[in-house]
Amino acid sequence: MARKYSKKASAKVGRAMKKRKAGTLKSGRSGKKVTSRKQAIAIGLSEARAEGKKVPKKAAKKKKAAEKRKSKK
């Protein structure tokens, strides 16, 4: 089975996790300190995507659920 993420993408996530652990990882827009593990992973994947590394596209589950709720009303 093929890798879901490239090795370079994994390295980006690893770097983001280390920065979070050290307390130096900052959020992009607000510049606040990141403490959430999930947010650190998201930042790493986002940076890998920006560099064109092999990373699956963002999940569209939340968008579809929101659209369903709107259409019901």
N, C-alpha and C. Protein backbone atom coordinates (compact mmCIF):
# COMPACT_ATOMS: atom_id res chain seq x y z
N MET A 1 0.84 -1.19 0.00
CA MET A 1 0.00 0.00 0.00
C MET A 1 0.88 1.25 0.00
N ALA A 2 0.48 2.23 -0.77
CA ALA A 2 1.25 3.47 -0.89
C ALA A 2 1.11 4.32 0.37
N ARG A 3 2.12 5.16 0.56
CA ARG A 3 2.09 6.08 1.70
C ARG A 3 1.01 7.13 1.49
N LYS A 4 0.32 7.47 2.56
CA LYS A 4 -0.72 8.50 2.49
C LYS A 4 -0.08 9.89 2.46
N TYR A 5 0.99 10.07 3.25
CA TYR A 5 1.72 11.33 3.32
C TYR A 5 3.17 11.07 2.91
N SER A 6 3.81 12.05 2.28
CA SER A 6 5.21 11.90 1.91
C SER A 6 6.10 11.99 3.15
N LYS A 7 7.33 11.55 3.02
CA LYS A 7 8.27 11.61 4.15
C LYS A 7 8.56 13.06 4.54
N LYS A 8 8.62 13.92 3.55
CA LYS A 8 8.87 15.35 3.82
C LYS A 8 7.69 15.97 4.57
N ALA A 9 6.47 15.52 4.25
CA ALA A 9 5.29 16.03 4.96
C ALA A 9 5.35 15.58 6.41
N SER A 10 5.76 14.32 6.62
CA SER A 10 5.89 13.80 7.99
C SER A 10 6.93 14.60 8.76
N ALA A 11 8.00 14.99 8.07
CA ALA A 11 9.05 15.79 8.72
C ALA A 11 8.51 17.16 9.13
N LYS A 12 7.66 17.75 8.29
CA LYS A 12 7.07 19.06 8.60
C LYS A 12 6.19 18.96 9.85
N VAL A 13 5.40 17.89 9.92
CA VAL A 13 4.53 17.68 11.08
C VAL A 13 5.38 17.47 12.32
N GLY A 14 6.44 16.69 12.19
CA GLY A 14 7.35 16.44 13.32
C GLY A 14 7.99 17.72 13.83
N ARG A 15 8.37 18.59 12.91
CA ARG A 15 8.99 19.86 13.29
C ARG A 15 7.98 20.73 14.02
N ALA A 16 6.74 20.74 13.53
CA ALA A 16 5.69 21.54 14.18
C ALA A 16 5.41 21.01 15.58
N MET A 17 5.43 19.68 15.74
CA MET A 17 5.18 19.08 17.05
C MET A 17 6.29 19.45 18.05
N LYS A 18 7.53 19.44 17.56
CA LYS A 18 8.65 19.81 18.44
C LYS A 18 8.55 21.27 18.86
N LYS A 19 8.17 22.13 17.91
CA LYS A 19 8.02 23.56 18.22
C LYS A 19 6.90 23.77 19.24
N ARG A 20 5.81 23.00 19.09
CA ARG A 20 4.69 23.10 20.04
C ARG A 20 5.15 22.70 21.43
N LYS A 21 5.90 21.61 21.49
CA LYS A 21 6.39 21.09 22.77
C LYS A 21 7.31 22.12 23.44
N ALA A 22 8.11 22.81 22.62
CA ALA A 22 9.02 23.83 23.15
C ALA A 22 8.30 25.13 23.48
N GLY A 23 7.06 25.26 22.97
CA GLY A 23 6.28 26.46 23.26
C GLY A 23 6.56 27.61 22.31
N THR A 24 7.14 27.31 21.13
CA THR A 24 7.48 28.38 20.20
C THR A 24 6.62 28.35 18.93
N LEU A 25 5.67 27.40 18.84
CA LEU A 25 4.82 27.32 17.66
C LEU A 25 3.72 28.37 17.76
N LYS A 26 3.61 29.20 16.72
CA LYS A 26 2.62 30.28 16.72
C LYS A 26 1.58 30.03 15.63
N SER A 27 0.37 30.48 15.90
CA SER A 27 -0.71 30.40 14.95
C SER A 27 -0.45 31.42 13.84
N GLY A 28 -0.88 31.10 12.62
CA GLY A 28 -0.59 31.96 11.48
C GLY A 28 -1.21 33.34 11.54
N ARG A 29 -2.51 33.42 11.69
CA ARG A 29 -3.19 34.71 11.58
C ARG A 29 -3.08 35.55 12.84
N SER A 30 -3.39 34.94 13.98
CA SER A 30 -3.41 35.72 15.22
C SER A 30 -2.04 35.81 15.88
N GLY A 31 -1.17 34.84 15.61
CA GLY A 31 0.16 34.83 16.21
C GLY A 31 0.18 34.32 17.64
N LYS A 32 -0.96 33.72 18.08
CA LYS A 32 -1.02 33.18 19.44
C LYS A 32 -0.25 31.87 19.52
N LYS A 33 0.17 31.54 20.74
CA LYS A 33 0.91 30.31 20.97
C LYS A 33 -0.03 29.11 20.78
N VAL A 34 0.46 28.08 20.07
CA VAL A 34 -0.33 26.88 19.83
C VAL A 34 -0.03 25.85 20.91
N THR A 35 -1.08 25.35 21.58
CA THR A 35 -0.89 24.32 22.60
C THR A 35 -1.58 23.02 22.21
N SER A 36 -2.50 23.08 21.26
CA SER A 36 -3.25 21.91 20.84
C SER A 36 -2.43 21.03 19.91
N ARG A 37 -2.44 19.72 20.18
CA ARG A 37 -1.73 18.74 19.36
C ARG A 37 -2.32 18.71 17.95
N LYS A 38 -3.64 18.72 17.87
CA LYS A 38 -4.33 18.68 16.58
C LYS A 38 -3.99 19.90 15.73
N GLN A 39 -3.92 21.05 16.37
CA GLN A 39 -3.61 22.27 15.64
C GLN A 39 -2.18 22.25 15.12
N ALA A 40 -1.26 21.68 15.90
CA ALA A 40 0.13 21.57 15.48
C ALA A 40 0.24 20.68 14.25
N ILE A 41 -0.50 19.57 14.24
CA ILE A 41 -0.50 18.66 13.09
C ILE A 41 -1.05 19.39 11.87
N ALA A 42 -2.14 20.12 12.06
CA ALA A 42 -2.76 20.86 10.96
C ALA A 42 -1.80 21.90 10.37
N ILE A 43 -1.04 22.56 11.22
CA ILE A 43 -0.07 23.55 10.75
C ILE A 43 1.02 22.87 9.92
N GLY A 44 1.53 21.74 10.41
CA GLY A 44 2.56 20.99 9.69
C GLY A 44 2.09 20.54 8.32
N LEU A 45 0.86 20.00 8.26
CA LEU A 45 0.30 19.54 6.99
C LEU A 45 0.05 20.70 6.04
N SER A 46 -0.40 21.81 6.59
CA SER A 46 -0.66 23.00 5.78
C SER A 46 0.63 23.51 5.14
N GLU A 47 1.71 23.53 5.91
CA GLU A 47 3.01 23.97 5.39
C GLU A 47 3.50 23.02 4.31
N ALA A 48 3.30 21.71 4.52
CA ALA A 48 3.71 20.72 3.52
C ALA A 48 2.91 20.90 2.24
N ARG A 49 1.60 21.15 2.37
CA ARG A 49 0.75 21.38 1.20
C ARG A 49 1.23 22.60 0.41
N ALA A 50 1.59 23.65 1.13
CA ALA A 50 2.04 24.89 0.49
C ALA A 50 3.32 24.66 -0.32
N GLU A 51 4.15 23.71 0.12
CA GLU A 51 5.38 23.40 -0.60
C GLU A 51 5.17 22.36 -1.70
N GLY A 52 3.93 21.87 -1.83
CA GLY A 52 3.63 20.92 -2.89
C GLY A 52 3.98 19.48 -2.58
N LYS A 53 4.13 19.15 -1.31
CA LYS A 53 4.42 17.77 -0.90
C LYS A 53 3.17 16.92 -1.04
N LYS A 54 3.36 15.59 -0.99
CA LYS A 54 2.24 14.66 -1.14
C LYS A 54 1.44 14.61 0.16
N VAL A 55 0.32 15.31 0.18
CA VAL A 55 -0.58 15.35 1.33
C VAL A 55 -2.00 15.33 0.79
N PRO A 56 -2.86 14.44 1.30
CA PRO A 56 -4.25 14.44 0.82
C PRO A 56 -4.93 15.78 1.05
N LYS A 57 -5.92 16.09 0.22
CA LYS A 57 -6.66 17.34 0.37
C LYS A 57 -7.43 17.35 1.67
N LYS A 58 -7.79 18.55 2.11
CA LYS A 58 -8.56 18.69 3.35
C LYS A 58 -9.89 17.97 3.22
N ALA A 59 -10.35 17.37 4.30
CA ALA A 59 -11.62 16.64 4.30
C ALA A 59 -12.78 17.59 4.10
N ALA A 60 -13.76 17.15 3.34
CA ALA A 60 -14.92 18.01 3.04
C ALA A 60 -16.12 17.58 3.86
N LYS A 61 -15.93 16.75 4.88
CA LYS A 61 -17.04 16.24 5.69
C LYS A 61 -17.81 17.38 6.34
N LYS A 62 -17.12 18.31 6.96
CA LYS A 62 -17.77 19.39 7.68
C LYS A 62 -18.58 20.29 6.74
N LYS A 63 -18.04 20.53 5.55
CA LYS A 63 -18.73 21.37 4.56
C LYS A 63 -20.05 20.71 4.16
N LYS A 64 -19.97 19.41 3.86
CA LYS A 64 -21.17 18.69 3.43
C LYS A 64 -22.23 18.67 4.52
N ALA A 65 -21.81 18.48 5.76
CA ALA A 65 -22.75 18.45 6.88
C ALA A 65 -23.43 19.82 7.05
N ALA A 66 -22.68 20.87 6.89
CA ALA A 66 -23.22 22.22 7.01
C ALA A 66 -24.22 22.50 5.89
N GLU A 67 -23.89 22.04 4.68
CA GLU A 67 -24.80 22.24 3.55
C GLU A 67 -26.09 21.48 3.76
N LYS A 68 -26.00 20.26 4.32
CA LYS A 68 -27.18 19.46 4.59
C LYS A 68 -28.12 20.18 5.57
N ARG A 69 -27.51 20.75 6.63
CA ARG A 69 -28.29 21.45 7.65
C ARG A 69 -29.00 22.66 7.04
N LYS A 70 -28.31 23.37 6.15
CA LYS A 70 -28.91 24.55 5.51
C LYS A 70 -30.07 24.16 4.62
N SER A 71 -29.92 23.05 3.89
CA SER A 71 -30.97 22.64 2.96
C SER A 71 -32.24 22.14 3.68
N LYS A 72 -32.07 21.62 4.90
CA LYS A 72 -33.21 21.15 5.69
C LYS A 72 -34.09 22.29 6.17
N LYS A 73 -33.47 23.45 6.44
CA LYS A 73 -34.21 24.61 6.99
C LYS A 73 -35.09 25.28 6.00
